[in-house]
């Protein structure tokens, strides 16, 4: 199947497992982030750079970050 649609900055596309090739075309400034993986099939909560399963976990992560627990 050929998809001749035009996509813009910030568009997210989801591809099925059917088929073998994906071809992108664009201008020299075009940037594409391609990720692959199995669906999580669980709830997802996000806030800024934090991604967890629940709002409570997000709040805990923010507290930990503010307390410096993410430092190396």
PDB file of N, CA and C in Angstrom:
ATOM      1  N   UNK A   1       0.838  -1.176   0.000  1.00  0.00           N
ATOM      2  CA  UNK A   1       0.000   0.000   0.000  1.00  0.00           C
ATOM      3  C   UNK A   1       0.882   1.238   0.000  1.00  0.00           C
ATOM      4  N   UNK A   2       0.593   2.187  -0.837  1.00  0.00           N
ATOM      5  CA  UNK A   2       1.351   3.432  -0.904  1.00  0.00           C
ATOM      6  C   UNK A   2       0.512   4.526  -0.272  1.00  0.00           C
ATOM      7  N   UNK A   3       1.115   5.262   0.657  1.00  0.00           N
ATOM      8  CA  UNK A   3       0.444   6.365   1.334  1.00  0.00           C
ATOM      9  C   UNK A   3       1.123   7.649   0.893  1.00  0.00           C
ATOM     10  N   UNK A   4       0.468   8.425   0.047  1.00  0.00           N
ATOM     11  CA  UNK A   4       1.050   9.661  -0.462  1.00  0.00           C
ATOM     12  C   UNK A   4       0.626  10.877   0.356  1.00  0.00           C
ATOM     13  N   UNK A   5       0.173  10.661   1.586  1.00  0.00           N
ATOM     14  CA  UNK A   5      -0.251  11.781   2.421  1.00  0.00           C
ATOM     15  C   UNK A   5       0.959  12.608   2.838  1.00  0.00           C
ATOM     16  N   UNK A   6       0.709  13.857   3.129  1.00  0.00           N
ATOM     17  CA  UNK A   6       1.755  14.748   3.628  1.00  0.00           C
ATOM     18  C   UNK A   6       1.556  14.894   5.129  1.00  0.00           C
ATOM     19  N   UNK A   7       2.614  14.667   5.868  1.00  0.00           N
ATOM     20  CA  UNK A   7       2.578  14.788   7.317  1.00  0.00           C
ATOM     21  C   UNK A   7       3.407  15.991   7.741  1.00  0.00           C
ATOM     22  N   UNK A   8       3.090  16.540   8.909  1.00  0.00           N
ATOM     23  CA  UNK A   8       3.731  17.772   9.355  1.00  0.00           C
ATOM     24  C   UNK A   8       4.427  17.583  10.699  1.00  0.00           C
ATOM     25  N   UNK A   9       5.168  18.598  11.097  1.00  0.00           N
ATOM     26  CA  UNK A   9       5.893  18.617  12.369  1.00  0.00           C
ATOM     27  C   UNK A   9       4.977  18.151  13.500  1.00  0.00           C
ATOM     28  N   UNK A  10       5.455  17.205  14.274  1.00  0.00           N
ATOM     29  CA  UNK A  10       4.712  16.729  15.428  1.00  0.00           C
ATOM     30  C   UNK A  10       3.731  15.616  15.145  1.00  0.00           C
ATOM     31  N   UNK A  11       3.528  15.260  13.892  1.00  0.00           N
ATOM     32  CA  UNK A  11       2.616  14.166  13.583  1.00  0.00           C
ATOM     33  C   UNK A  11       3.191  12.849  14.076  1.00  0.00           C
ATOM     34  N   UNK A  12       2.327  12.005  14.624  1.00  0.00           N
ATOM     35  CA  UNK A  12       2.757  10.678  15.045  1.00  0.00           C
ATOM     36  C   UNK A  12       2.017   9.658  14.179  1.00  0.00           C
ATOM     37  N   UNK A  13       2.759   8.713  13.651  1.00  0.00           N
ATOM     38  CA  UNK A  13       2.185   7.678  12.800  1.00  0.00           C
ATOM     39  C   UNK A  13       2.351   6.331  13.477  1.00  0.00           C
ATOM     40  N   UNK A  14       1.411   5.464  13.274  1.00  0.00           N
ATOM     41  CA  UNK A  14       1.476   4.105  13.819  1.00  0.00           C
ATOM     42  C   UNK A  14       1.399   3.146  12.649  1.00  0.00           C
ATOM     43  N   UNK A  15       2.376   2.277  12.537  1.00  0.00           N
ATOM     44  CA  UNK A  15       2.416   1.298  11.456  1.00  0.00           C
ATOM     45  C   UNK A  15       2.092  -0.073  12.011  1.00  0.00           C
ATOM     46  N   UNK A  16       1.363  -0.854  11.240  1.00  0.00           N
ATOM     47  CA  UNK A  16       1.064  -2.226  11.659  1.00  0.00           C
ATOM     48  C   UNK A  16       2.269  -3.109  11.358  1.00  0.00           C
ATOM     49  N   UNK A  17       2.191  -4.337  11.766  1.00  0.00           N
ATOM     50  CA  UNK A  17       3.268  -5.293  11.514  1.00  0.00           C
ATOM     51  C   UNK A  17       3.196  -5.863  10.097  1.00  0.00           C
ATOM     52  N   UNK A  18       2.164  -5.508   9.359  1.00  0.00           N
ATOM     53  CA  UNK A  18       1.989  -6.026   8.013  1.00  0.00           C
ATOM     54  C   UNK A  18       2.926  -5.283   7.066  1.00  0.00           C
ATOM     55  N   UNK A  19       3.630  -6.013   6.226  1.00  0.00           N
ATOM     56  CA  UNK A  19       4.535  -5.386   5.274  1.00  0.00           C
ATOM     57  C   UNK A  19       5.982  -5.470   5.754  1.00  0.00           C
ATOM     58  N   UNK A  20       6.892  -5.027   4.905  1.00  0.00           N
ATOM     59  CA  UNK A  20       8.305  -5.157   5.223  1.00  0.00           C
ATOM     60  C   UNK A  20       9.074  -3.852   5.155  1.00  0.00           C
ATOM     61  N   UNK A  21       8.624  -2.900   4.334  1.00  0.00           N
ATOM     62  CA  UNK A  21       9.402  -1.692   4.097  1.00  0.00           C
ATOM     63  C   UNK A  21       8.630  -0.437   4.478  1.00  0.00           C
ATOM     64  N   UNK A  22       9.363   0.540   4.983  1.00  0.00           N
ATOM     65  CA  UNK A  22       8.835   1.878   5.219  1.00  0.00           C
ATOM     66  C   UNK A  22       9.789   2.824   4.503  1.00  0.00           C
ATOM     67  N   UNK A  23       9.265   3.701   3.679  1.00  0.00           N
ATOM     68  CA  UNK A  23      10.088   4.648   2.937  1.00  0.00           C
ATOM     69  C   UNK A  23       9.650   6.060   3.307  1.00  0.00           C
ATOM     70  N   UNK A  24      10.607   6.880   3.760  1.00  0.00           N
ATOM     71  CA  UNK A  24      10.343   8.278   4.077  1.00  0.00           C
ATOM     72  C   UNK A  24      11.022   9.153   3.036  1.00  0.00           C
ATOM     73  N   UNK A  25      10.361  10.205   2.641  1.00  0.00           N
ATOM     74  CA  UNK A  25      10.989  11.213   1.792  1.00  0.00           C
ATOM     75  C   UNK A  25      10.745  12.572   2.428  1.00  0.00           C
ATOM     76  N   UNK A  26      11.692  13.479   2.240  1.00  0.00           N
ATOM     77  CA  UNK A  26      11.541  14.814   2.803  1.00  0.00           C
ATOM     78  C   UNK A  26      12.677  15.695   2.358  1.00  0.00           C
ATOM     79  N   UNK A  27      12.673  16.913   2.858  1.00  0.00           N
ATOM     80  CA  UNK A  27      13.755  17.830   2.511  1.00  0.00           C
ATOM     81  C   UNK A  27      14.971  17.546   3.397  1.00  0.00           C
ATOM     82  N   UNK A  28      16.112  18.183   3.151  1.00  0.00           N
ATOM     83  CA  UNK A  28      17.328  17.886   3.922  1.00  0.00           C
ATOM     84  C   UNK A  28      17.197  18.152   5.426  1.00  0.00           C
ATOM     85  N   UNK A  29      16.242  18.980   5.839  1.00  0.00           N
ATOM     86  CA  UNK A  29      16.065  19.270   7.266  1.00  0.00           C
ATOM     87  C   UNK A  29      15.119  18.285   7.956  1.00  0.00           C
ATOM     88  N   UNK A  30      14.567  17.363   7.210  1.00  0.00           N
ATOM     89  CA  UNK A  30      13.609  16.415   7.775  1.00  0.00           C
ATOM     90  C   UNK A  30      14.278  15.534   8.828  1.00  0.00           C
ATOM     91  N   UNK A  31      13.622  15.393   9.967  1.00  0.00           N
ATOM     92  CA  UNK A  31      14.100  14.508  11.034  1.00  0.00           C
ATOM     93  C   UNK A  31      12.978  13.538  11.368  1.00  0.00           C
ATOM     94  N   UNK A  32      13.345  12.283  11.523  1.00  0.00           N
ATOM     95  CA  UNK A  32      12.368  11.238  11.819  1.00  0.00           C
ATOM     96  C   UNK A  32      12.876  10.432  13.003  1.00  0.00           C
ATOM     97  N   UNK A  33      11.996  10.173  13.951  1.00  0.00           N
ATOM     98  CA  UNK A  33      12.302   9.286  15.069  1.00  0.00           C
ATOM     99  C   UNK A  33      11.469   8.031  14.861  1.00  0.00           C
ATOM    100  N   UNK A  34      12.132   6.919  14.684  1.00  0.00           N
ATOM    101  CA  UNK A  34      11.457   5.653  14.453  1.00  0.00           C
ATOM    102  C   UNK A  34      11.691   4.752  15.657  1.00  0.00           C
ATOM    103  N   UNK A  35      10.614   4.306  16.266  1.00  0.00           N
ATOM    104  CA  UNK A  35      10.727   3.425  17.437  1.00  0.00           C
ATOM    105  C   UNK A  35       9.912   2.168  17.161  1.00  0.00           C
ATOM    106  N   UNK A  36      10.331   1.080  17.761  1.00  0.00           N
ATOM    107  CA  UNK A  36       9.615  -0.177  17.590  1.00  0.00           C
ATOM    108  C   UNK A  36       9.489  -0.877  18.933  1.00  0.00           C
ATOM    109  N   UNK A  37       8.450  -1.618  19.100  1.00  0.00           N
ATOM    110  CA  UNK A  37       8.278  -2.372  20.329  1.00  0.00           C
ATOM    111  C   UNK A  37       6.879  -2.960  20.405  1.00  0.00           C
ATOM    112  N   UNK A  38       6.695  -3.803  21.362  1.00  0.00           N
ATOM    113  CA  UNK A  38       5.392  -4.414  21.596  1.00  0.00           C
ATOM    114  C   UNK A  38       4.519  -3.441  22.386  1.00  0.00           C
ATOM    115  N   UNK A  39       3.223  -3.434  22.141  1.00  0.00           N
ATOM    116  CA  UNK A  39       2.321  -2.569  22.920  1.00  0.00           C
ATOM    117  C   UNK A  39       2.397  -2.907  24.407  1.00  0.00           C
ATOM    118  N   UNK A  40       2.343  -1.874  25.262  1.00  0.00           N
ATOM    119  CA  UNK A  40       2.413  -2.090  26.710  1.00  0.00           C
ATOM    120  C   UNK A  40       1.136  -2.705  27.262  1.00  0.00           C
ATOM    121  N   UNK A  41       0.015  -2.336  26.697  1.00  0.00           N
ATOM    122  CA  UNK A  41      -1.291  -2.788  27.164  1.00  0.00           C
ATOM    123  C   UNK A  41      -1.495  -2.489  28.652  1.00  0.00           C
ATOM    124  N   UNK A  42      -1.070  -1.285  29.068  1.00  0.00           N
ATOM    125  CA  UNK A  42      -1.300  -0.823  30.430  1.00  0.00           C
ATOM    126  C   UNK A  42      -1.445   0.695  30.397  1.00  0.00           C
ATOM    127  N   UNK A  43      -1.950   1.243  31.475  1.00  0.00           N
ATOM    128  CA  UNK A  43      -2.195   2.679  31.496  1.00  0.00           C
ATOM    129  C   UNK A  43      -0.871   3.448  31.444  1.00  0.00           C
ATOM    130  N   UNK A  44      -0.936   4.636  30.867  1.00  0.00           N
ATOM    131  CA  UNK A  44       0.239   5.490  30.753  1.00  0.00           C
ATOM    132  C   UNK A  44      -0.152   6.896  31.191  1.00  0.00           C
ATOM    133  N   UNK A  45       0.626   7.463  32.110  1.00  0.00           N
ATOM    134  CA  UNK A  45       0.447   8.844  32.539  1.00  0.00           C
ATOM    135  C   UNK A  45       1.729   9.586  32.193  1.00  0.00           C
ATOM    136  N   UNK A  46       1.606  10.850  31.774  1.00  0.00           N
ATOM    137  CA  UNK A  46       2.813  11.602  31.430  1.00  0.00           C
ATOM    138  C   UNK A  46       2.660  13.054  31.840  1.00  0.00           C
ATOM    139  N   UNK A  47       3.787  13.656  32.163  1.00  0.00           N
ATOM    140  CA  UNK A  47       3.850  15.075  32.491  1.00  0.00           C
ATOM    141  C   UNK A  47       5.269  15.524  32.185  1.00  0.00           C
ATOM    142  N   UNK A  48       5.421  16.396  31.198  1.00  0.00           N
ATOM    143  CA  UNK A  48       6.764  16.814  30.796  1.00  0.00           C
ATOM    144  C   UNK A  48       7.572  15.601  30.393  1.00  0.00           C
ATOM    145  N   UNK A  49       8.792  15.451  30.943  1.00  0.00           N
ATOM    146  CA  UNK A  49       9.623  14.310  30.565  1.00  0.00           C
ATOM    147  C   UNK A  49       9.299  13.025  31.333  1.00  0.00           C
ATOM    148  N   UNK A  50       8.359  13.094  32.244  1.00  0.00           N
ATOM    149  CA  UNK A  50       8.048  11.940  33.094  1.00  0.00           C
ATOM    150  C   UNK A  50       6.940  11.105  32.472  1.00  0.00           C
ATOM    151  N   UNK A  51       7.174   9.796  32.392  1.00  0.00           N
ATOM    152  CA  UNK A  51       6.168   8.862  31.877  1.00  0.00           C
ATOM    153  C   UNK A  51       6.098   7.696  32.846  1.00  0.00           C
ATOM    154  N   UNK A  52       4.945   7.489  33.412  1.00  0.00           N
ATOM    155  CA  UNK A  52       4.719   6.424  34.396  1.00  0.00           C
ATOM    156  C   UNK A  52       3.370   5.780  34.088  1.00  0.00           C
ATOM    157  N   UNK A  53       2.894   4.954  35.019  1.00  0.00           N
ATOM    158  CA  UNK A  53       1.601   4.302  34.836  1.00  0.00           C
ATOM    159  C   UNK A  53       0.455   5.073  35.480  1.00  0.00           C
ATOM    160  N   UNK A  54       0.737   5.832  36.553  1.00  0.00           N
ATOM    161  CA  UNK A  54      -0.332   6.540  37.253  1.00  0.00           C
ATOM    162  C   UNK A  54       0.099   7.968  37.560  1.00  0.00           C
ATOM    163  N   UNK A  55      -0.885   8.810  37.842  1.00  0.00           N
ATOM    164  CA  UNK A  55      -0.620  10.191  38.241  1.00  0.00           C
ATOM    165  C   UNK A  55       0.176  10.225  39.549  1.00  0.00           C
ATOM    166  N   UNK A  56      -0.113   9.296  40.444  1.00  0.00           N
ATOM    167  CA  UNK A  56       0.617   9.228  41.715  1.00  0.00           C
ATOM    168  C   UNK A  56       2.106   8.951  41.475  1.00  0.00           C
ATOM    169  N   UNK A  57       2.410   8.056  40.547  1.00  0.00           N
ATOM    170  CA  UNK A  57       3.810   7.767  40.225  1.00  0.00           C
ATOM    171  C   UNK A  57       4.493   8.979  39.596  1.00  0.00           C
ATOM    172  N   UNK A  58       3.746   9.745  38.811  1.00  0.00           N
ATOM    173  CA  UNK A  58       4.293  10.974  38.235  1.00  0.00           C
ATOM    174  C   UNK A  58       4.666  11.943  39.357  1.00  0.00           C
ATOM    175  N   UNK A  59       3.765  12.138  40.303  1.00  0.00           N
ATOM    176  CA  UNK A  59       4.027  13.057  41.415  1.00  0.00           C
ATOM    177  C   UNK A  59       5.237  12.598  42.231  1.00  0.00           C
ATOM    178  N   UNK A  60       5.360  11.296  42.442  1.00  0.00           N
ATOM    179  CA  UNK A  60       6.512  10.757  43.167  1.00  0.00           C
ATOM    180  C   UNK A  60       7.809  11.001  42.396  1.00  0.00           C
ATOM    181  N   UNK A  61       7.765  10.803  41.088  1.00  0.00           N
ATOM    182  CA  UNK A  61       8.952  11.039  40.266  1.00  0.00           C
ATOM    183  C   UNK A  61       9.360  12.510  40.308  1.00  0.00           C
ATOM    184  N   UNK A  62       8.388  13.414  40.277  1.00  0.00           N
ATOM    185  CA  UNK A  62       8.692  14.843  40.359  1.00  0.00           C
ATOM    186  C   UNK A  62       9.315  15.174  41.712  1.00  0.00           C
ATOM    187  N   UNK A  63       8.769  14.615  42.790  1.00  0.00           N
ATOM    188  CA  UNK A  63       9.363  14.835  44.127  1.00  0.00           C
ATOM    189  C   UNK A  63      10.788  14.299  44.170  1.00  0.00           C
ATOM    190  N   UNK A  64      11.005  13.105  43.641  1.00  0.00           N
ATOM    191  CA  UNK A  64      12.353  12.523  43.625  1.00  0.00           C
ATOM    192  C   UNK A  64      13.312  13.386  42.809  1.00  0.00           C
ATOM    193  N   UNK A  65      12.846  13.879  41.671  1.00  0.00           N
ATOM    194  CA  UNK A  65      13.690  14.739  40.825  1.00  0.00           C
ATOM    195  C   UNK A  65      14.055  16.013  41.587  1.00  0.00           C
ATOM    196  N   UNK A  66      13.064  16.656  42.188  1.00  0.00           N
ATOM    197  CA  UNK A  66      13.316  17.888  42.930  1.00  0.00           C
ATOM    198  C   UNK A  66      14.203  17.672  44.144  1.00  0.00           C
ATOM    199  N   UNK A  67      14.191  16.446  44.685  1.00  0.00           N
ATOM    200  CA  UNK A  67      15.048  16.118  45.839  1.00  0.00           C
ATOM    201  C   UNK A  67      16.450  15.717  45.409  1.00  0.00           C
ATOM    202  N   UNK A  68      16.730  15.719  44.104  1.00  0.00           N
ATOM    203  CA  UNK A  68      18.077  15.388  43.613  1.00  0.00           C
ATOM    204  C   UNK A  68      18.343  13.901  43.503  1.00  0.00           C
ATOM    205  N   UNK A  69      17.320  13.078  43.562  1.00  0.00           N
ATOM    206  CA  UNK A  69      17.525  11.626  43.513  1.00  0.00           C
ATOM    207  C   UNK A  69      17.845  11.115  42.120  1.00  0.00           C
ATOM    208  N   UNK A  70      17.761  11.971  41.091  1.00  0.00           N
ATOM    209  CA  UNK A  70      18.069  11.549  39.738  1.00  0.00           C
ATOM    210  C   UNK A  70      19.508  11.863  39.362  1.00  0.00           C
ATOM    211  N   UNK A  71      20.284  12.405  40.291  1.00  0.00           N
ATOM    212  CA  UNK A  71      21.677  12.762  40.031  1.00  0.00           C
ATOM    213  C   UNK A  71      22.520  11.497  39.888  1.00  0.00           C
ATOM    214  N   UNK A  72      23.602  11.582  39.147  1.00  0.00           N
ATOM    215  CA  UNK A  72      24.534  10.442  39.004  1.00  0.00           C
ATOM    216  C   UNK A  72      25.502  10.405  40.141  1.00  0.00           C
TER     217      UNK A  72
END
